[in-house]
């Protein structure tokens, strides 16, 4: 699996999330791109961090919370064979989650997160291991595994959120701007867009 163009392993820091979400929104808005999320161990926290920021509707298309294997199959099209062979916490499943989120949304870029937040784990898949995928229209999907360590459930999940946001920001640099949105009106920051959108 490739981790080309992905940021370095992160520092666990709860303060990073809001800053990264604001950077993500500004950068995606400037390029006319939309994003989606597919989450397992973070349970929707990545989508929550993005939508915490006013004006997220300019950029955020949708999020999939697929905590169970059945949800991964039904909502994202993850193959049963991948789950049985590699397990839910694997780069293969992260790849299929990201691909599924991109295919089932109107986003240009999607990130996936699947891991072991703890407590618990095994020698082969220890607590704190999280696999990420980034799918971009017109590019090969890339994956990465980060071992955050046994930081505790809350810290592992927050670290995963921070890293997912950083992956989205990095992915925006290479995602293709959509032709149909290259010349769309700039957002009116007093509420929605100048074209009549809604700010959530």
N, C-alpha and C. Protein backbone atom coordinates (compact mmCIF):
# COMPACT_ATOMS: atom_id res chain seq x y z
N UNK A 1 0.83 -1.19 0.00
CA UNK A 1 0.00 0.00 0.00
C UNK A 1 0.87 1.24 0.00
N UNK A 2 0.38 2.29 -0.63
CA UNK A 2 1.19 3.49 -0.77
C UNK A 2 0.78 4.55 0.21
N UNK A 3 1.77 5.28 0.74
CA UNK A 3 1.47 6.43 1.55
C UNK A 3 2.07 7.69 0.92
N UNK A 4 2.26 7.64 -0.40
CA UNK A 4 2.80 8.79 -1.11
C UNK A 4 1.89 9.99 -0.93
N UNK A 5 2.51 11.13 -0.70
CA UNK A 5 1.82 12.41 -0.58
C UNK A 5 0.96 12.50 0.67
N UNK A 6 1.11 11.60 1.62
CA UNK A 6 0.37 11.70 2.86
C UNK A 6 1.25 12.37 3.91
N UNK A 7 0.63 13.11 4.84
CA UNK A 7 1.43 13.79 5.86
C UNK A 7 2.10 12.83 6.80
N UNK A 8 3.10 13.33 7.50
CA UNK A 8 3.84 12.51 8.46
C UNK A 8 2.94 12.09 9.61
N UNK A 9 3.38 11.08 10.35
CA UNK A 9 2.61 10.61 11.49
C UNK A 9 2.34 11.78 12.44
N UNK A 10 1.12 11.86 12.95
CA UNK A 10 0.71 13.02 13.73
C UNK A 10 1.10 12.96 15.19
N UNK A 11 1.00 14.11 15.85
CA UNK A 11 1.10 14.19 17.30
C UNK A 11 -0.31 14.18 17.85
N UNK A 12 -0.57 13.43 18.92
CA UNK A 12 -1.90 13.49 19.52
C UNK A 12 -2.11 14.86 20.15
N UNK A 13 -3.05 15.62 19.62
CA UNK A 13 -3.27 16.98 20.09
C UNK A 13 -4.70 17.37 19.78
N UNK A 14 -5.54 17.42 20.79
CA UNK A 14 -6.96 17.70 20.59
C UNK A 14 -7.21 19.08 20.01
N UNK A 15 -6.27 20.00 20.19
CA UNK A 15 -6.47 21.36 19.71
C UNK A 15 -6.32 21.47 18.19
N UNK A 16 -5.74 20.46 17.56
CA UNK A 16 -5.49 20.54 16.13
C UNK A 16 -6.79 20.47 15.34
N UNK A 17 -7.80 19.78 15.84
CA UNK A 17 -8.98 19.44 15.05
C UNK A 17 -9.68 20.66 14.47
N UNK A 18 -9.99 21.65 15.29
CA UNK A 18 -10.72 22.81 14.81
C UNK A 18 -9.89 23.59 13.81
N UNK A 19 -8.60 23.76 14.10
CA UNK A 19 -7.73 24.47 13.18
C UNK A 19 -7.68 23.76 11.84
N UNK A 20 -7.52 22.45 11.85
CA UNK A 20 -7.46 21.69 10.61
C UNK A 20 -8.77 21.77 9.85
N UNK A 21 -9.90 21.74 10.56
CA UNK A 21 -11.20 21.81 9.90
C UNK A 21 -11.38 23.17 9.22
N UNK A 22 -10.96 24.24 9.87
CA UNK A 22 -11.07 25.56 9.26
C UNK A 22 -10.18 25.66 8.02
N UNK A 23 -8.96 25.12 8.13
CA UNK A 23 -8.05 25.12 6.99
C UNK A 23 -8.63 24.31 5.84
N UNK A 24 -9.19 23.15 6.18
CA UNK A 24 -9.80 22.29 5.16
C UNK A 24 -10.91 23.02 4.43
N UNK A 25 -11.81 23.65 5.17
CA UNK A 25 -12.94 24.33 4.55
C UNK A 25 -12.47 25.48 3.65
N UNK A 26 -11.54 26.27 4.14
CA UNK A 26 -11.05 27.40 3.35
C UNK A 26 -10.39 26.92 2.05
N UNK A 27 -9.59 25.87 2.17
CA UNK A 27 -8.86 25.38 1.01
C UNK A 27 -9.79 24.72 0.00
N UNK A 28 -10.73 23.92 0.49
CA UNK A 28 -11.68 23.24 -0.41
C UNK A 28 -12.60 24.26 -1.07
N UNK A 29 -13.04 25.25 -0.32
CA UNK A 29 -13.92 26.27 -0.86
C UNK A 29 -13.23 27.05 -1.98
N UNK A 30 -11.95 27.37 -1.77
CA UNK A 30 -11.20 28.13 -2.76
C UNK A 30 -11.05 27.35 -4.06
N UNK A 31 -11.02 26.02 -3.97
CA UNK A 31 -10.83 25.19 -5.17
C UNK A 31 -12.15 24.65 -5.72
N UNK A 32 -13.25 24.96 -5.05
CA UNK A 32 -14.54 24.48 -5.52
C UNK A 32 -14.73 22.99 -5.36
N UNK A 33 -14.13 22.42 -4.30
CA UNK A 33 -14.19 20.97 -4.09
C UNK A 33 -15.06 20.63 -2.88
N UNK A 34 -15.64 19.43 -2.93
CA UNK A 34 -16.46 18.94 -1.83
C UNK A 34 -15.86 17.65 -1.28
N UNK A 35 -16.10 17.41 0.00
CA UNK A 35 -15.50 16.25 0.66
C UNK A 35 -16.57 15.38 1.33
N UNK A 36 -16.20 14.12 1.55
CA UNK A 36 -17.06 13.17 2.25
C UNK A 36 -16.19 12.35 3.20
N UNK A 37 -16.83 11.74 4.18
CA UNK A 37 -16.11 10.92 5.15
C UNK A 37 -16.75 9.55 5.28
N UNK A 38 -15.93 8.56 5.60
CA UNK A 38 -16.39 7.20 5.90
C UNK A 38 -15.69 6.77 7.17
N UNK A 39 -16.44 6.59 8.25
CA UNK A 39 -15.82 6.39 9.56
C UNK A 39 -16.30 5.12 10.24
N UNK A 40 -15.37 4.48 10.92
CA UNK A 40 -15.70 3.34 11.76
C UNK A 40 -15.36 3.69 13.21
N UNK A 41 -14.10 3.59 13.59
CA UNK A 41 -13.74 3.77 15.00
C UNK A 41 -13.99 5.18 15.52
N UNK A 42 -14.02 6.17 14.64
CA UNK A 42 -14.27 7.55 15.07
C UNK A 42 -15.75 7.89 15.15
N UNK A 43 -16.60 7.02 14.67
CA UNK A 43 -18.03 7.15 14.88
C UNK A 43 -18.66 8.47 14.46
N UNK A 44 -18.13 9.10 13.43
CA UNK A 44 -18.71 10.35 12.96
C UNK A 44 -18.01 11.60 13.48
N UNK A 45 -16.94 11.43 14.24
CA UNK A 45 -16.26 12.58 14.82
C UNK A 45 -15.55 13.44 13.78
N UNK A 46 -15.09 12.83 12.68
CA UNK A 46 -14.45 13.61 11.62
C UNK A 46 -15.50 14.53 10.98
N UNK A 47 -16.65 13.96 10.64
CA UNK A 47 -17.73 14.77 10.08
C UNK A 47 -18.16 15.83 11.08
N UNK A 48 -18.18 15.48 12.36
CA UNK A 48 -18.56 16.44 13.39
C UNK A 48 -17.59 17.60 13.49
N UNK A 49 -16.29 17.31 13.37
CA UNK A 49 -15.28 18.37 13.44
C UNK A 49 -15.43 19.33 12.26
N UNK A 50 -15.76 18.79 11.09
CA UNK A 50 -15.92 19.63 9.90
C UNK A 50 -17.18 20.49 10.03
N UNK A 51 -18.28 19.88 10.43
CA UNK A 51 -19.55 20.61 10.47
C UNK A 51 -19.67 21.49 11.71
N UNK A 52 -18.71 21.42 12.60
CA UNK A 52 -18.65 22.35 13.73
C UNK A 52 -18.39 23.78 13.25
N UNK A 53 -17.79 23.89 12.08
CA UNK A 53 -17.42 25.19 11.54
C UNK A 53 -18.57 25.77 10.73
N UNK A 54 -18.91 27.03 10.98
CA UNK A 54 -19.97 27.70 10.23
C UNK A 54 -19.59 27.74 8.74
N UNK A 55 -20.54 27.42 7.89
CA UNK A 55 -20.30 27.42 6.46
C UNK A 55 -19.81 26.10 5.91
N UNK A 56 -19.83 25.06 6.73
CA UNK A 56 -19.35 23.75 6.28
C UNK A 56 -20.14 23.21 5.10
N UNK A 57 -21.39 23.66 4.96
CA UNK A 57 -22.22 23.16 3.86
C UNK A 57 -21.68 23.56 2.49
N UNK A 58 -20.80 24.56 2.45
CA UNK A 58 -20.16 24.91 1.19
C UNK A 58 -19.27 23.78 0.67
N UNK A 59 -18.77 22.96 1.60
CA UNK A 59 -17.72 21.99 1.28
C UNK A 59 -18.12 20.56 1.61
N UNK A 60 -18.78 20.35 2.73
CA UNK A 60 -19.05 18.99 3.20
C UNK A 60 -20.29 18.42 2.54
N UNK A 61 -20.13 17.29 1.85
CA UNK A 61 -21.25 16.67 1.16
C UNK A 61 -22.02 15.72 2.08
N UNK A 62 -21.32 14.72 2.62
CA UNK A 62 -21.99 13.76 3.51
C UNK A 62 -20.95 12.92 4.23
N UNK A 63 -21.43 12.25 5.30
CA UNK A 63 -20.57 11.34 6.05
C UNK A 63 -21.26 10.01 6.25
N UNK A 64 -20.48 8.95 6.21
CA UNK A 64 -20.98 7.60 6.46
C UNK A 64 -20.37 7.09 7.76
N UNK A 65 -21.21 6.71 8.71
CA UNK A 65 -20.74 6.08 9.94
C UNK A 65 -21.04 4.60 9.82
N UNK A 66 -20.00 3.81 9.56
CA UNK A 66 -20.17 2.38 9.29
C UNK A 66 -19.41 1.59 10.36
N UNK A 67 -20.01 1.53 11.53
CA UNK A 67 -19.34 0.93 12.67
C UNK A 67 -19.26 -0.59 12.57
N UNK A 68 -20.30 -1.20 12.04
CA UNK A 68 -20.31 -2.66 11.91
C UNK A 68 -19.83 -3.08 10.53
N UNK A 69 -19.44 -4.34 10.42
CA UNK A 69 -19.04 -4.88 9.12
C UNK A 69 -20.21 -4.87 8.15
N UNK A 70 -21.41 -5.14 8.66
CA UNK A 70 -22.59 -5.13 7.80
C UNK A 70 -22.80 -3.74 7.21
N UNK A 71 -22.61 -2.71 8.02
CA UNK A 71 -22.77 -1.35 7.52
C UNK A 71 -21.71 -1.02 6.47
N UNK A 72 -20.50 -1.50 6.68
CA UNK A 72 -19.45 -1.26 5.68
C UNK A 72 -19.82 -1.89 4.35
N UNK A 73 -20.39 -3.08 4.39
CA UNK A 73 -20.80 -3.75 3.16
C UNK A 73 -21.98 -3.04 2.51
N UNK A 74 -23.01 -2.77 3.32
CA UNK A 74 -24.26 -2.25 2.78
C UNK A 74 -24.16 -0.79 2.33
N UNK A 75 -23.46 0.04 3.09
CA UNK A 75 -23.43 1.47 2.81
C UNK A 75 -22.28 1.88 1.89
N UNK A 76 -21.17 1.12 1.95
CA UNK A 76 -19.98 1.53 1.21
C UNK A 76 -19.53 0.52 0.17
N UNK A 77 -20.14 -0.65 0.17
CA UNK A 77 -19.77 -1.66 -0.81
C UNK A 77 -18.47 -2.38 -0.51
N UNK A 78 -18.03 -2.36 0.76
CA UNK A 78 -16.84 -3.12 1.13
C UNK A 78 -17.12 -4.61 0.92
N UNK A 79 -16.19 -5.30 0.33
CA UNK A 79 -16.39 -6.70 0.00
C UNK A 79 -16.30 -7.59 1.25
N UNK A 80 -17.18 -8.55 1.31
CA UNK A 80 -17.14 -9.51 2.41
C UNK A 80 -15.79 -10.23 2.46
N UNK A 81 -15.25 -10.54 1.28
CA UNK A 81 -13.96 -11.24 1.21
C UNK A 81 -12.84 -10.41 1.83
N UNK A 82 -12.89 -9.10 1.65
CA UNK A 82 -11.87 -8.23 2.22
C UNK A 82 -11.95 -8.23 3.73
N UNK A 83 -13.15 -8.18 4.25
CA UNK A 83 -13.34 -8.19 5.70
C UNK A 83 -12.90 -9.52 6.31
N UNK A 84 -13.21 -10.60 5.63
CA UNK A 84 -12.84 -11.92 6.15
C UNK A 84 -11.35 -12.19 6.04
N UNK A 85 -10.73 -11.72 4.97
CA UNK A 85 -9.31 -11.98 4.75
C UNK A 85 -8.41 -11.03 5.52
N UNK A 86 -8.74 -9.75 5.50
CA UNK A 86 -7.87 -8.74 6.09
C UNK A 86 -8.36 -8.20 7.42
N UNK A 87 -9.64 -8.31 7.69
CA UNK A 87 -10.21 -7.74 8.90
C UNK A 87 -10.63 -6.30 8.66
N UNK A 88 -11.52 -5.81 9.52
CA UNK A 88 -12.03 -4.45 9.36
C UNK A 88 -10.93 -3.41 9.52
N UNK A 89 -9.96 -3.69 10.38
CA UNK A 89 -8.85 -2.76 10.60
C UNK A 89 -7.72 -3.18 9.67
N UNK A 90 -7.76 -2.67 8.45
CA UNK A 90 -6.77 -3.01 7.44
C UNK A 90 -6.77 -1.93 6.37
N UNK A 91 -5.67 -1.81 5.66
CA UNK A 91 -5.60 -0.83 4.60
C UNK A 91 -6.51 -1.20 3.44
N UNK A 92 -6.71 -2.50 3.21
CA UNK A 92 -7.61 -2.92 2.14
C UNK A 92 -9.03 -2.43 2.40
N UNK A 93 -9.49 -2.61 3.63
CA UNK A 93 -10.85 -2.16 3.96
C UNK A 93 -10.92 -0.64 3.97
N UNK A 94 -9.88 0.01 4.46
CA UNK A 94 -9.85 1.48 4.43
C UNK A 94 -9.94 1.99 2.99
N UNK A 95 -9.25 1.29 2.09
CA UNK A 95 -9.30 1.67 0.68
C UNK A 95 -10.72 1.54 0.12
N UNK A 96 -11.36 0.42 0.40
CA UNK A 96 -12.70 0.19 -0.12
C UNK A 96 -13.72 1.13 0.52
N UNK A 97 -13.51 1.48 1.78
CA UNK A 97 -14.39 2.45 2.43
C UNK A 97 -14.28 3.81 1.76
N UNK A 98 -13.06 4.26 1.50
CA UNK A 98 -12.87 5.57 0.85
C UNK A 98 -13.44 5.56 -0.56
N UNK A 99 -13.17 4.48 -1.30
CA UNK A 99 -13.72 4.37 -2.66
C UNK A 99 -15.25 4.37 -2.64
N UNK A 100 -15.82 3.66 -1.67
CA UNK A 100 -17.27 3.59 -1.57
C UNK A 100 -17.89 4.93 -1.24
N UNK A 101 -17.24 5.68 -0.34
CA UNK A 101 -17.76 7.00 0.02
C UNK A 101 -17.72 7.94 -1.18
N UNK A 102 -16.66 7.86 -1.95
CA UNK A 102 -16.53 8.72 -3.13
C UNK A 102 -17.60 8.35 -4.17
N UNK A 103 -17.79 7.05 -4.38
CA UNK A 103 -18.74 6.59 -5.39
C UNK A 103 -20.18 6.88 -5.00
N UNK A 104 -20.46 6.93 -3.71
CA UNK A 104 -21.83 7.09 -3.23
C UNK A 104 -22.12 8.51 -2.75
N UNK A 105 -21.34 9.45 -3.21
CA UNK A 105 -21.53 10.85 -2.82
C UNK A 105 -21.31 11.74 -4.02
N UNK A 106 -21.47 13.02 -3.81
CA UNK A 106 -21.16 14.02 -4.83
C UNK A 106 -19.85 14.73 -4.50
N UNK A 107 -19.05 14.10 -3.66
CA UNK A 107 -17.78 14.69 -3.25
C UNK A 107 -16.69 14.44 -4.29
N UNK A 108 -15.66 15.24 -4.20
CA UNK A 108 -14.48 15.08 -5.06
C UNK A 108 -13.35 14.38 -4.33
N UNK A 109 -13.48 14.29 -3.00
CA UNK A 109 -12.42 13.76 -2.15
C UNK A 109 -13.07 13.11 -0.95
N UNK A 110 -12.61 11.92 -0.58
CA UNK A 110 -13.18 11.22 0.58
C UNK A 110 -12.08 10.61 1.43
N UNK A 111 -12.28 10.64 2.73
CA UNK A 111 -11.33 10.02 3.65
C UNK A 111 -12.06 8.92 4.42
N UNK A 112 -11.34 7.84 4.72
CA UNK A 112 -11.90 6.76 5.54
C UNK A 112 -11.03 6.53 6.76
N UNK A 113 -11.66 6.05 7.83
CA UNK A 113 -10.97 5.78 9.08
C UNK A 113 -11.50 4.48 9.66
N UNK A 114 -10.61 3.53 9.94
CA UNK A 114 -11.01 2.29 10.60
C UNK A 114 -9.87 1.83 11.50
N UNK A 115 -10.18 1.56 12.76
CA UNK A 115 -9.09 1.23 13.67
C UNK A 115 -9.55 0.63 14.97
N UNK A 116 -8.60 0.49 15.88
CA UNK A 116 -8.85 -0.07 17.21
C UNK A 116 -8.59 1.03 18.23
N UNK A 117 -9.66 1.67 18.68
CA UNK A 117 -9.52 2.77 19.63
C UNK A 117 -9.23 2.27 21.04
N UNK A 118 -9.62 1.05 21.32
CA UNK A 118 -9.38 0.47 22.62
C UNK A 118 -10.59 0.65 23.55
N UNK A 119 -10.46 0.09 24.75
CA UNK A 119 -9.31 -0.71 25.21
C UNK A 119 -9.31 -2.08 24.55
N UNK A 120 -8.15 -2.66 24.51
CA UNK A 120 -8.01 -3.98 23.91
C UNK A 120 -7.21 -3.93 22.64
N UNK A 121 -7.18 -5.02 21.94
CA UNK A 121 -6.37 -5.18 20.75
C UNK A 121 -5.69 -6.53 20.79
N UNK A 122 -4.77 -6.76 19.90
CA UNK A 122 -4.04 -8.02 19.86
C UNK A 122 -2.61 -7.74 19.45
N UNK A 123 -1.80 -8.78 19.51
CA UNK A 123 -0.40 -8.61 19.10
C UNK A 123 -0.30 -8.23 17.63
N UNK A 124 -1.20 -8.77 16.83
CA UNK A 124 -1.18 -8.49 15.39
C UNK A 124 -1.81 -7.14 15.07
N UNK A 125 -2.84 -6.78 15.82
CA UNK A 125 -3.51 -5.49 15.62
C UNK A 125 -3.67 -4.82 16.99
N UNK A 126 -2.66 -4.08 17.40
CA UNK A 126 -2.66 -3.51 18.75
C UNK A 126 -3.60 -2.32 18.90
N UNK A 127 -3.92 -2.04 20.15
CA UNK A 127 -4.71 -0.85 20.47
C UNK A 127 -4.00 0.39 19.94
N UNK A 128 -4.78 1.25 19.33
CA UNK A 128 -4.21 2.49 18.79
C UNK A 128 -3.85 2.41 17.33
N UNK A 129 -4.04 1.26 16.70
CA UNK A 129 -3.75 1.16 15.26
C UNK A 129 -4.97 1.63 14.46
N UNK A 130 -4.71 2.55 13.54
CA UNK A 130 -5.79 3.10 12.72
C UNK A 130 -5.34 3.13 11.26
N UNK A 131 -6.21 2.66 10.39
CA UNK A 131 -5.94 2.67 8.95
C UNK A 131 -6.78 3.74 8.28
N UNK A 132 -6.16 4.46 7.37
CA UNK A 132 -6.81 5.56 6.67
C UNK A 132 -6.77 5.32 5.16
N UNK A 133 -7.77 5.84 4.47
CA UNK A 133 -7.77 5.84 3.02
C UNK A 133 -8.18 7.20 2.52
N UNK A 134 -7.61 7.62 1.40
CA UNK A 134 -7.99 8.88 0.76
C UNK A 134 -8.26 8.59 -0.71
N UNK A 135 -9.50 8.84 -1.12
CA UNK A 135 -9.91 8.63 -2.51
C UNK A 135 -10.18 9.98 -3.14
N UNK A 136 -9.62 10.19 -4.33
CA UNK A 136 -9.79 11.45 -5.06
C UNK A 136 -10.18 11.13 -6.49
N UNK A 137 -11.14 11.86 -7.00
CA UNK A 137 -11.56 11.62 -8.38
C UNK A 137 -10.38 11.89 -9.31
N UNK A 138 -10.13 10.91 -10.19
CA UNK A 138 -9.04 11.06 -11.14
C UNK A 138 -7.68 10.63 -10.63
N UNK A 139 -7.61 10.06 -9.41
CA UNK A 139 -6.35 9.63 -8.84
C UNK A 139 -6.50 8.24 -8.22
N UNK A 140 -5.39 7.57 -8.04
CA UNK A 140 -5.39 6.31 -7.32
C UNK A 140 -5.64 6.57 -5.84
N UNK A 141 -6.42 5.71 -5.22
CA UNK A 141 -6.67 5.81 -3.79
C UNK A 141 -5.40 5.42 -3.03
N UNK A 142 -5.08 6.19 -1.99
CA UNK A 142 -3.90 5.89 -1.19
C UNK A 142 -4.33 5.53 0.23
N UNK A 143 -3.51 4.73 0.90
CA UNK A 143 -3.83 4.28 2.25
C UNK A 143 -2.62 4.44 3.16
N UNK A 144 -2.89 4.45 4.44
CA UNK A 144 -1.81 4.57 5.42
C UNK A 144 -2.27 3.99 6.74
N UNK A 145 -1.35 3.35 7.46
CA UNK A 145 -1.61 2.86 8.80
C UNK A 145 -0.78 3.65 9.80
N UNK A 146 -1.42 4.11 10.86
CA UNK A 146 -0.73 4.85 11.92
C UNK A 146 -0.95 4.12 13.24
N UNK A 147 0.12 3.85 13.96
CA UNK A 147 0.04 3.27 15.30
C UNK A 147 0.17 4.40 16.31
N UNK A 148 -0.96 4.85 16.83
CA UNK A 148 -0.95 5.93 17.81
C UNK A 148 -0.48 5.45 19.18
N UNK A 149 -0.60 4.13 19.41
CA UNK A 149 -0.24 3.58 20.71
C UNK A 149 -1.43 3.54 21.64
N UNK A 150 -1.24 2.91 22.79
CA UNK A 150 -2.32 2.75 23.76
C UNK A 150 -2.50 4.03 24.56
N UNK A 151 -3.03 5.05 23.91
CA UNK A 151 -3.20 6.36 24.54
C UNK A 151 -4.49 6.44 25.34
N UNK A 152 -5.35 5.45 25.19
CA UNK A 152 -6.69 5.54 25.74
C UNK A 152 -7.67 5.85 24.63
N UNK A 153 -8.89 5.39 24.81
CA UNK A 153 -9.89 5.46 23.74
C UNK A 153 -10.13 6.89 23.24
N UNK A 154 -10.30 7.82 24.16
CA UNK A 154 -10.59 9.20 23.76
C UNK A 154 -9.45 9.79 22.96
N UNK A 155 -8.21 9.60 23.43
CA UNK A 155 -7.05 10.19 22.77
C UNK A 155 -6.80 9.55 21.41
N UNK A 156 -7.01 8.24 21.29
CA UNK A 156 -6.82 7.58 19.99
C UNK A 156 -7.83 8.11 18.99
N UNK A 157 -9.08 8.23 19.41
CA UNK A 157 -10.10 8.72 18.49
C UNK A 157 -9.84 10.16 18.07
N UNK A 158 -9.43 11.00 19.02
CA UNK A 158 -9.14 12.39 18.67
C UNK A 158 -7.94 12.49 17.74
N UNK A 159 -6.92 11.66 18.01
CA UNK A 159 -5.74 11.66 17.14
C UNK A 159 -6.12 11.22 15.73
N UNK A 160 -7.02 10.25 15.63
CA UNK A 160 -7.47 9.78 14.32
C UNK A 160 -8.25 10.87 13.59
N UNK A 161 -9.07 11.61 14.31
CA UNK A 161 -9.80 12.72 13.70
C UNK A 161 -8.83 13.75 13.14
N UNK A 162 -7.87 14.14 13.96
CA UNK A 162 -6.88 15.13 13.53
C UNK A 162 -6.15 14.69 12.28
N UNK A 163 -5.75 13.41 12.26
CA UNK A 163 -4.98 12.92 11.12
C UNK A 163 -5.85 12.84 9.87
N UNK A 164 -7.11 12.44 10.04
CA UNK A 164 -8.01 12.38 8.90
C UNK A 164 -8.20 13.76 8.28
N UNK A 165 -8.32 14.79 9.10
CA UNK A 165 -8.45 16.14 8.59
C UNK A 165 -7.19 16.56 7.84
N UNK A 166 -6.03 16.20 8.39
CA UNK A 166 -4.77 16.53 7.72
C UNK A 166 -4.65 15.80 6.38
N UNK A 167 -5.15 14.58 6.32
CA UNK A 167 -5.13 13.83 5.06
C UNK A 167 -6.02 14.50 4.02
N UNK A 168 -7.18 14.97 4.44
CA UNK A 168 -8.06 15.66 3.51
C UNK A 168 -7.41 16.94 2.99
N UNK A 169 -6.77 17.67 3.87
CA UNK A 169 -6.09 18.91 3.46
C UNK A 169 -5.00 18.60 2.45
N UNK A 170 -4.20 17.58 2.73
CA UNK A 170 -3.13 17.19 1.80
C UNK A 170 -3.71 16.72 0.48
N UNK A 171 -4.82 15.99 0.53
CA UNK A 171 -5.43 15.47 -0.68
C UNK A 171 -6.00 16.54 -1.58
N UNK A 172 -6.38 17.67 -1.01
CA UNK A 172 -6.93 18.76 -1.81
C UNK A 172 -5.92 19.29 -2.82
N UNK A 173 -4.65 19.19 -2.49
CA UNK A 173 -3.61 19.70 -3.39
C UNK A 173 -3.58 18.95 -4.72
N UNK A 174 -4.03 17.68 -4.71
CA UNK A 174 -3.95 16.87 -5.91
C UNK A 174 -5.30 16.53 -6.52
N UNK A 175 -6.38 16.81 -5.80
CA UNK A 175 -7.70 16.52 -6.34
C UNK A 175 -8.00 17.45 -7.52
N UNK A 176 -8.66 16.92 -8.51
CA UNK A 176 -8.98 17.70 -9.70
C UNK A 176 -10.16 18.63 -9.43
N UNK A 177 -10.02 19.92 -9.73
CA UNK A 177 -11.16 20.82 -9.58
C UNK A 177 -12.28 20.41 -10.54
N UNK A 178 -13.51 20.35 -10.08
CA UNK A 178 -14.62 19.94 -10.95
C UNK A 178 -14.93 21.01 -11.98
N UNK A 179 -15.09 20.61 -13.23
CA UNK A 179 -15.34 21.58 -14.30
C UNK A 179 -16.63 22.35 -14.07
N UNK A 180 -17.64 21.67 -13.53
CA UNK A 180 -18.93 22.34 -13.38
C UNK A 180 -18.97 23.30 -12.21
N UNK A 181 -17.90 23.32 -11.39
CA UNK A 181 -17.91 24.23 -10.24
C UNK A 181 -16.72 25.18 -10.24
N UNK A 182 -15.94 25.19 -11.34
CA UNK A 182 -14.76 26.05 -11.39
C UNK A 182 -15.12 27.53 -11.28
N UNK A 183 -16.26 27.91 -11.85
CA UNK A 183 -16.62 29.32 -11.86
C UNK A 183 -17.86 29.62 -11.03
N UNK A 184 -18.11 28.78 -10.02
CA UNK A 184 -19.28 29.04 -9.21
C UNK A 184 -19.05 30.28 -8.34
N UNK A 185 -20.14 30.97 -7.92
CA UNK A 185 -20.00 32.20 -7.15
C UNK A 185 -19.27 31.97 -5.83
N UNK A 186 -18.51 32.94 -5.40
CA UNK A 186 -17.84 32.86 -4.10
C UNK A 186 -18.88 32.91 -3.01
N UNK A 187 -18.65 32.20 -1.90
CA UNK A 187 -19.63 32.18 -0.82
C UNK A 187 -19.76 33.54 -0.15
N UNK A 188 -21.00 33.87 0.21
CA UNK A 188 -21.26 35.07 0.99
C UNK A 188 -21.17 34.68 2.44
N UNK A 189 -20.13 35.11 3.12
CA UNK A 189 -19.89 34.63 4.48
C UNK A 189 -20.90 35.15 5.48
N UNK A 190 -21.82 36.05 5.07
CA UNK A 190 -22.86 36.52 5.99
C UNK A 190 -24.02 35.55 6.05
N UNK A 191 -23.95 34.50 5.20
CA UNK A 191 -25.02 33.50 5.22
C UNK A 191 -25.16 32.84 3.88
N UNK A 192 -24.73 31.60 3.75
CA UNK A 192 -24.88 30.85 2.51
C UNK A 192 -23.90 31.33 1.47
N UNK A 193 -24.29 31.17 0.20
CA UNK A 193 -23.46 31.60 -0.92
C UNK A 193 -24.17 32.70 -1.65
N UNK A 194 -23.44 33.42 -2.49
CA UNK A 194 -24.07 34.46 -3.26
C UNK A 194 -25.06 33.90 -4.26
N UNK A 195 -25.00 32.59 -4.47
CA UNK A 195 -25.96 31.93 -5.36
C UNK A 195 -27.18 31.43 -4.64
N UNK A 196 -27.31 31.68 -3.30
CA UNK A 196 -28.52 31.33 -2.58
C UNK A 196 -28.42 30.05 -1.79
N UNK A 197 -27.21 29.58 -1.46
CA UNK A 197 -27.06 28.36 -0.69
C UNK A 197 -27.40 28.57 0.76
N UNK A 198 -27.29 27.50 1.53
CA UNK A 198 -27.63 27.55 2.95
C UNK A 198 -26.39 27.31 3.78
N UNK A 199 -26.22 28.11 4.80
CA UNK A 199 -25.12 27.89 5.75
C UNK A 199 -25.65 27.12 6.93
N UNK A 200 -25.01 26.02 7.24
CA UNK A 200 -25.45 25.16 8.33
C UNK A 200 -24.48 25.29 9.48
